[in-house]
Amino acid sequence: MALSMDRLSEVNAVSGFEDEARAYLIPLIKEKCDSLEVDSMGNIIAFKKGKSDKYRILLGTNVDEVGFIVSEITEKGFLKFKSVGSSDPRTLVSKRIVVGKDRIPGVIGMKAIHLQKKEEREAAVKVKDLYIDIGAKDKEESENSVKLGDIISFDTEYAEIGDIIKGKALDRFGTVAVFNAMDEVPAYDTYFVFSAQREISGRGMKIATFRINPDFALIVDTVNADDFPDTKSASAILGNGAVMRYKDLTSVSNVIFMKNLALMSKRNGIKTQNQTTSEGASVAGSVNSASYGAVTATVGIACRYSHTPVSYMRKDDINEVSNLCRAFVKESDVIIDGFIKETDRI
C-alpha cells in the first residue's frame, strides 16, 4: 500500500494525541520493516537489518502537528483554549476547527472589528482574546458535545494545485520521505523513527534516541520557506530541492557529515539548496543531547505558512528529499567511510 498525502495531511495528531496518525501509518510501515514497536511516548520505531551491523543508523522525522486544547467552557457556551505547540494568533481568526474525537465543528472567533475600541484594534492578537464557537446556546449545551482537555485541530481540506500541495500539518511531511526510504536495503542496521511530540520540545525523538543509541542520525524536517515577494535573498525556496540545513535553534549539523551527504546527492542527481540561518528548530537537537549523542545532520522540505491552518509545499521537493533519504539508506557505508577518513572518529 502507498502512503496517501491527503490522508496524511487530514488525520488529526496534535502533539501528545497522535493516535490517528499511528493508526494510519503502522499498517503501512509494518509491510516494509523487520520489526516495529511503539514506545511509551508513542514513537513508531521500525527496524531494518542492514548488510552490516557495524554501525547503528537513525533516520527520523515527526508525525504530530500543532493545535490547541480546551481550557474553559464559558457560561455562554464558548470554548477558551490553550496552544499545543506554537501558532501565530494572527492566523487563527475565523478559521474552521474540529474539537475532540467526535470532530465537533467550530470556528475560532474574536470580537468583531467594528465592536472593538481603538486600543483593541491596534493591539497584537493574543490567544487569550480568542474563543471557539461551536454554535451552542449555553454552557450546558456545549458540555453535551465537548469537555475540558479535548484536543482541537484545524479543519483544512487537502488539495493539489499543479505541483503545489495545500493542507494542514504539512510539518509532518518528512514522514513521506522516511517512509519511501524504507524500500531500500540498508547498508547498516537502520532505525526509521516516526516521532511523537515534536512540537513539545522534541521530546519524542529524545526518548527514541535513548532507546536506539545510534552512531549516525539523519533528521528530516520541514523548513520555513522565505521566498516571499519582499525577500531579497531567500534561503529556502519552494521548488529548489532538498534543504541542507546546517544550523537551527537547537543544533548544528556536523559539517563533514553534511559534506558527504552533499557529495552523495550530487552523485545521484538530487537537487539541493543550502540553508545556514538559525530560525526555527528541529528534533536534531534532541538527538544531539540524548544518550551518548550521535553524528547528526538535518535535511528539510521547504514549506510556506508553517504552523498555520493552511501550508504550501511542492511535490518535487518532497520527491527530492525522498530520493536523498533513499540514497542515504543505501550508501550510509560510503558516507561513514568518508566521514572517518576526514575525522579519524568512530
Protein backbone atom coordinates (compact mmCIF):
# COMPACT_ATOMS: atom_id res chain seq x y z
CA MET A 1 0.00 0.00 0.00
CA ALA A 2 1.19 3.50 -0.83
CA LEU A 3 1.11 6.39 1.59
CA SER A 4 -1.65 8.86 0.73
CA MET A 5 -0.63 12.51 1.14
CA ASP A 6 -4.21 13.72 1.52
CA ARG A 7 -4.85 11.21 4.30
CA LEU A 8 -1.54 12.10 5.97
CA SER A 9 -2.49 15.77 6.00
CA GLU A 10 -6.06 15.31 7.20
CA VAL A 11 -5.52 12.93 10.13
CA ASN A 12 -5.61 14.81 13.43
CA ALA A 13 -2.48 14.24 15.50
CA VAL A 14 -1.84 17.19 17.79
CA SER A 15 1.26 16.65 19.96
CA GLY A 16 0.53 14.07 22.64
CA PHE A 17 -2.62 12.90 20.80
CA GLU A 18 -1.10 11.15 17.79
CA ASP A 19 -3.34 8.04 17.86
CA GLU A 20 -4.95 8.75 14.45
CA ALA A 21 -1.58 9.13 12.76
CA ARG A 22 -0.27 5.91 14.31
CA ALA A 23 -3.42 4.02 13.35
CA TYR A 24 -2.98 5.11 9.75
CA LEU A 25 0.80 4.67 9.46
CA ILE A 26 1.55 1.46 11.36
CA PRO A 27 -0.10 -0.99 8.91
CA LEU A 28 1.82 0.67 6.04
CA ILE A 29 5.16 0.73 7.86
CA LYS A 30 4.83 -2.90 9.02
CA GLU A 31 4.93 -4.05 5.40
CA LYS A 32 8.42 -2.58 4.95
CA CYS A 33 10.38 -3.45 8.10
CA ASP A 34 11.79 -6.44 10.01
CA SER A 35 10.32 -5.31 13.33
CA LEU A 36 8.24 -2.46 14.72
CA GLU A 37 7.49 -1.12 18.18
CA VAL A 38 5.59 1.80 19.66
CA ASP A 39 7.33 3.08 22.78
CA SER A 40 5.92 4.76 25.88
CA MET A 41 5.99 8.20 24.21
CA GLY A 42 4.06 6.99 21.16
CA ASN A 43 7.04 6.97 18.79
CA ILE A 44 6.90 4.44 15.95
CA ILE A 45 10.31 2.78 15.70
CA ALA A 46 10.76 0.50 12.69
CA PHE A 47 13.93 -1.56 12.22
CA LYS A 48 15.51 -2.93 9.04
CA LYS A 49 18.57 -5.15 9.22
CA GLY A 50 21.45 -3.88 7.13
CA LYS A 51 24.16 -5.63 5.19
CA SER A 52 26.37 -4.89 8.20
CA ASP A 53 25.69 -4.28 11.90
CA LYS A 54 28.89 -2.31 12.46
CA TYR A 55 27.01 0.98 12.95
CA ARG A 56 23.51 1.94 14.01
CA ILE A 57 21.75 4.46 11.79
CA LEU A 58 18.71 6.57 12.74
CA LEU A 59 16.58 8.13 10.00
CA GLY A 60 13.87 10.14 11.70
CA THR A 61 11.03 12.62 11.38
CA ASN A 62 7.81 13.51 13.26
CA VAL A 63 4.13 12.65 12.87
CA ASP A 64 2.49 15.25 15.15
CA GLU A 65 1.14 18.74 14.47
CA VAL A 66 0.37 21.98 16.27
CA GLY A 67 -3.10 22.50 17.70
CA PHE A 68 -4.96 23.51 20.84
CA ILE A 69 -6.64 22.13 23.94
CA VAL A 70 -9.94 23.16 25.55
CA SER A 71 -9.15 25.03 28.76
CA GLU A 72 -12.54 26.53 29.67
CA ILE A 73 -16.21 26.38 28.70
CA THR A 74 -17.89 29.73 29.33
CA GLU A 75 -21.42 30.26 30.65
CA LYS A 76 -22.46 31.31 27.14
CA GLY A 77 -21.13 28.06 25.65
CA PHE A 78 -17.96 29.37 24.04
CA LEU A 79 -14.69 27.46 24.37
CA LYS A 80 -11.47 29.04 25.56
CA PHE A 81 -8.27 27.24 24.62
CA LYS A 82 -4.50 26.97 25.05
CA SER A 83 -1.91 26.34 22.35
CA VAL A 84 -0.20 22.98 21.92
CA GLY A 85 2.94 23.89 20.02
CA SER A 86 3.48 27.32 18.51
CA SER A 87 0.96 29.10 16.30
CA ASP A 88 0.70 32.74 15.33
CA PRO A 89 -2.61 34.04 16.79
CA ARG A 90 -2.93 36.44 13.84
CA THR A 91 -3.54 33.48 11.52
CA LEU A 92 -6.32 31.93 13.62
CA VAL A 93 -9.32 34.28 13.46
CA SER A 94 -12.32 32.86 11.53
CA LYS A 95 -10.59 29.53 10.85
CA ARG A 96 -12.50 26.26 10.94
CA ILE A 97 -11.53 23.69 13.57
CA VAL A 98 -12.80 20.40 14.98
CA VAL A 99 -12.90 19.50 18.65
CA GLY A 100 -12.29 16.10 20.25
CA LYS A 101 -12.60 12.57 18.89
CA ASP A 102 -16.11 13.26 17.62
CA ARG A 103 -14.76 16.13 15.50
CA ILE A 104 -17.30 18.68 16.69
CA PRO A 105 -17.09 21.51 14.13
CA GLY A 106 -16.47 25.08 15.19
CA VAL A 107 -14.82 28.34 14.23
CA ILE A 108 -12.21 30.44 16.02
CA GLY A 109 -13.74 33.82 16.78
CA MET A 110 -12.81 37.24 18.09
CA LYS A 111 -14.78 40.35 18.86
CA ALA A 112 -15.78 41.93 15.53
CA ILE A 113 -13.57 44.83 14.50
CA HIS A 114 -16.47 47.33 14.43
CA LEU A 115 -17.13 46.50 18.10
CA GLN A 116 -13.51 46.97 19.17
CA LYS A 117 -12.13 50.09 20.80
CA LYS A 118 -9.20 51.86 19.13
CA GLU A 119 -6.66 50.35 21.53
CA GLU A 120 -8.07 46.86 20.87
CA ARG A 121 -7.77 47.27 17.10
CA GLU A 122 -4.16 48.38 17.41
CA ALA A 123 -3.08 45.68 19.87
CA ALA A 124 -1.48 42.41 18.77
CA VAL A 125 -3.88 39.48 18.70
CA LYS A 126 -3.35 37.04 21.58
CA VAL A 127 -4.76 33.55 22.12
CA LYS A 128 -6.47 34.76 25.30
CA ASP A 129 -8.52 37.18 23.14
CA LEU A 130 -9.88 34.32 21.00
CA TYR A 131 -12.62 31.77 21.57
CA ILE A 132 -14.22 28.87 19.73
CA ASP A 133 -17.86 28.99 18.71
CA ILE A 134 -19.48 25.57 18.22
CA GLY A 135 -22.97 27.04 17.93
CA ALA A 136 -24.06 26.12 21.47
CA LYS A 137 -26.61 28.35 23.23
CA ASP A 138 -25.06 27.93 26.68
CA LYS A 139 -22.52 26.02 28.78
CA GLU A 140 -24.79 23.03 29.29
CA GLU A 141 -25.29 22.54 25.57
CA SER A 142 -21.55 22.84 24.94
CA GLU A 143 -20.81 20.26 27.63
CA ASN A 144 -23.07 17.79 25.84
CA SER A 145 -20.55 17.78 22.97
CA VAL A 146 -17.13 18.73 24.37
CA LYS A 147 -15.21 18.65 27.65
CA LEU A 148 -12.15 20.23 29.22
CA GLY A 149 -8.97 18.70 27.85
CA ASP A 150 -10.42 17.90 24.42
CA ILE A 151 -7.92 18.42 21.65
CA ILE A 152 -8.56 20.93 18.85
CA SER A 153 -7.30 20.56 15.27
CA PHE A 154 -7.50 22.72 12.18
CA ASP A 155 -10.21 21.58 9.74
CA THR A 156 -8.46 22.03 6.39
CA GLU A 157 -9.14 20.01 3.26
CA TYR A 158 -6.06 18.80 1.37
CA ALA A 159 -5.79 19.89 -2.25
CA GLU A 160 -3.28 19.92 -5.09
CA ILE A 161 -2.75 22.98 -7.29
CA GLY A 162 -0.46 21.82 -10.06
CA ASP A 163 2.78 20.83 -8.33
CA ILE A 164 1.75 22.65 -5.13
CA ILE A 165 0.13 20.73 -2.30
CA LYS A 166 -2.08 22.63 0.15
CA GLY A 167 -3.20 21.42 3.54
CA LYS A 168 -2.74 21.41 7.27
CA ALA A 169 0.04 19.65 9.19
CA LEU A 170 2.48 19.65 6.28
CA ASP A 171 5.09 19.99 9.03
CA ARG A 172 4.93 16.19 9.32
CA PHE A 173 5.58 15.52 5.64
CA GLY A 174 9.11 14.39 6.37
CA THR A 175 7.13 11.21 7.05
CA VAL A 176 6.72 10.76 3.29
CA ALA A 177 10.48 10.80 2.69
CA VAL A 178 11.37 8.49 5.59
CA PHE A 179 8.58 6.08 4.62
CA ASN A 180 9.76 5.97 0.99
CA ALA A 181 13.35 5.31 2.08
CA MET A 182 12.21 2.10 3.77
CA ASP A 183 12.01 0.49 0.32
CA GLU A 184 15.80 0.30 0.18
CA VAL A 185 18.14 -2.36 1.58
CA PRO A 186 20.22 -0.56 4.26
CA ALA A 187 24.00 -0.67 4.23
CA TYR A 188 23.93 -0.69 8.04
CA ASP A 189 21.26 -1.61 10.59
CA THR A 190 18.78 1.25 10.32
CA TYR A 191 16.04 2.51 12.62
CA PHE A 192 13.27 4.53 10.99
CA VAL A 193 11.71 6.77 13.65
CA PHE A 194 8.35 8.49 13.27
CA SER A 195 8.35 10.53 16.46
CA ALA A 196 5.63 11.93 18.67
CA GLN A 197 5.57 15.30 20.44
CA ARG A 198 7.99 17.09 18.14
CA GLU A 199 6.04 20.31 18.79
CA ILE A 200 6.61 19.92 22.56
CA SER A 201 10.39 20.41 22.67
CA GLY A 202 11.09 17.35 20.50
CA ARG A 203 10.77 15.06 23.49
CA GLY A 204 9.58 12.03 21.50
CA MET A 205 12.75 11.89 19.40
CA LYS A 206 14.90 12.26 22.52
CA ILE A 207 13.34 9.14 24.07
CA ALA A 208 13.69 7.21 20.79
CA THR A 209 17.36 8.17 20.57
CA PHE A 210 17.99 6.91 24.10
CA ARG A 211 16.46 3.56 23.12
CA ILE A 212 18.37 3.20 19.86
CA ASN A 213 21.70 4.83 20.79
CA PRO A 214 22.62 5.45 17.12
CA ASP A 215 26.07 6.27 15.77
CA PHE A 216 24.76 8.45 12.95
CA ALA A 217 21.41 10.18 12.51
CA LEU A 218 19.73 11.99 9.63
CA ILE A 219 16.72 14.07 10.64
CA VAL A 220 14.10 15.07 8.07
CA ASP A 221 12.13 18.19 8.92
CA THR A 222 10.26 20.99 7.22
CA VAL A 223 11.95 24.36 6.78
CA ASN A 224 10.17 27.69 6.72
CA ALA A 225 10.32 28.96 3.14
CA ASP A 226 11.19 32.66 2.98
CA ASP A 227 10.72 33.18 -0.76
CA PHE A 228 8.19 35.97 -0.29
CA PRO A 229 7.75 38.96 -2.65
CA ASP A 230 9.74 41.36 -0.43
CA THR A 231 12.62 38.94 0.33
CA LYS A 232 15.86 39.91 -1.42
CA SER A 233 17.86 36.75 -0.67
CA ALA A 234 15.71 33.78 0.28
CA SER A 235 17.41 30.83 2.00
CA ALA A 236 14.71 28.20 1.42
CA ILE A 237 12.77 28.31 -1.83
CA LEU A 238 9.87 26.14 -2.95
CA GLY A 239 10.96 24.10 -5.97
CA ASN A 240 14.71 24.33 -5.32
CA GLY A 241 15.04 20.85 -3.87
CA ALA A 242 16.09 19.37 -0.54
CA VAL A 243 17.23 21.94 2.00
CA MET A 244 20.62 21.11 3.51
CA ARG A 245 20.13 22.67 6.93
CA TYR A 246 23.45 23.50 8.57
CA LYS A 247 22.06 25.19 11.68
CA ASP A 248 18.85 25.76 13.59
CA LEU A 249 17.94 26.97 17.07
CA THR A 250 18.70 23.63 18.75
CA SER A 251 21.50 22.06 16.74
CA VAL A 252 24.38 22.47 14.32
CA SER A 253 24.72 19.75 11.69
CA ASN A 254 28.09 18.02 11.53
CA VAL A 255 29.80 19.75 8.61
CA ILE A 256 31.78 16.68 7.48
CA PHE A 257 28.65 14.53 7.55
CA MET A 258 26.81 17.23 5.58
CA LYS A 259 29.67 17.44 3.08
CA ASN A 260 29.43 13.72 2.39
CA LEU A 261 25.63 13.92 2.11
CA ALA A 262 26.09 16.71 -0.45
CA LEU A 263 28.56 14.59 -2.45
CA MET A 264 26.13 11.66 -2.32
CA SER A 265 23.32 13.92 -3.57
CA LYS A 266 25.46 15.15 -6.46
CA ARG A 267 26.36 11.57 -7.47
CA ASN A 268 22.68 10.66 -7.52
CA GLY A 269 21.47 13.78 -9.33
CA ILE A 270 19.49 15.01 -6.32
CA LYS A 271 18.64 18.70 -6.32
CA THR A 272 19.67 20.52 -3.11
CA GLN A 273 19.83 24.01 -1.65
CA ASN A 274 21.75 25.23 1.40
CA GLN A 275 20.44 27.00 4.50
CA THR A 276 22.67 28.37 7.23
CA THR A 277 20.15 30.59 9.05
CA SER A 278 19.01 29.65 12.55
CA GLU A 279 15.28 30.45 12.54
CA GLY A 280 13.12 27.60 13.83
CA ALA A 281 14.14 24.37 15.48
CA SER A 282 14.25 20.68 14.63
CA VAL A 283 14.41 17.44 16.59
CA ALA A 284 18.09 17.16 15.65
CA GLY A 285 18.85 18.87 18.95
CA SER A 286 17.07 16.04 20.75
CA VAL A 287 19.33 13.51 19.02
CA ASN A 288 22.46 15.53 19.80
CA SER A 289 21.67 15.66 23.52
CA ALA A 290 20.27 12.15 24.11
CA SER A 291 22.21 9.12 25.30
CA TYR A 292 25.81 9.44 24.07
CA GLY A 293 24.73 11.68 21.20
CA ALA A 294 25.20 10.89 17.53
CA VAL A 295 26.83 12.40 14.47
CA THR A 296 23.80 14.26 13.17
CA ALA A 297 22.64 16.17 10.09
CA THR A 298 19.33 17.72 9.09
CA VAL A 299 17.64 17.99 5.71
CA GLY A 300 14.36 19.74 5.14
CA ILE A 301 11.42 20.27 2.83
CA ALA A 302 10.66 23.93 2.17
CA CYS A 303 7.19 24.86 3.46
CA ARG A 304 5.29 28.14 3.26
CA TYR A 305 2.99 29.23 6.11
CA SER A 306 4.17 26.56 8.55
CA HIS A 307 2.15 26.12 11.77
CA THR A 308 -0.92 27.79 10.27
CA PRO A 309 -4.27 26.35 9.14
CA VAL A 310 -3.03 26.18 5.52
CA SER A 311 0.52 25.43 4.34
CA TYR A 312 2.09 25.03 0.89
CA MET A 313 4.75 22.61 -0.39
CA ARG A 314 5.91 21.38 -3.78
CA LYS A 315 5.69 17.71 -4.67
CA ASP A 316 9.04 17.96 -6.48
CA ASP A 317 10.74 18.98 -3.22
CA ILE A 318 9.19 16.03 -1.37
CA ASN A 319 10.47 13.74 -4.12
CA GLU A 320 14.00 15.17 -3.91
CA VAL A 321 14.11 14.68 -0.12
CA SER A 322 12.73 11.15 -0.58
CA ASN A 323 15.49 10.41 -3.08
CA LEU A 324 18.11 11.80 -0.69
CA CYS A 325 16.83 9.57 2.12
CA ARG A 326 16.77 6.53 -0.17
CA ALA A 327 20.37 7.16 -1.20
CA PHE A 328 21.42 7.68 2.42
CA VAL A 329 19.97 4.32 3.48
CA LYS A 330 21.72 2.52 0.62
CA GLU A 331 25.02 4.39 0.82
CA SER A 332 25.47 5.04 4.54
CA ASP A 333 28.62 2.90 4.41
CA VAL A 334 30.17 5.20 1.79
CA ILE A 335 29.15 8.29 3.76
CA ILE A 336 30.53 6.95 7.03
CA ASP A 337 33.79 5.84 5.37
CA GLY A 338 34.22 9.35 4.04
CA PHE A 339 33.47 10.80 7.48
CA ILE A 340 36.01 8.55 9.22
CA LYS A 341 38.77 9.34 6.72
CA GLU A 342 38.36 13.06 7.40
CA THR A 343 37.88 12.96 11.15
CA ASP A 344 39.55 9.77 12.44
CA ARG A 345 36.46 9.22 14.61
CA ILE A 346 34.08 6.33 15.43
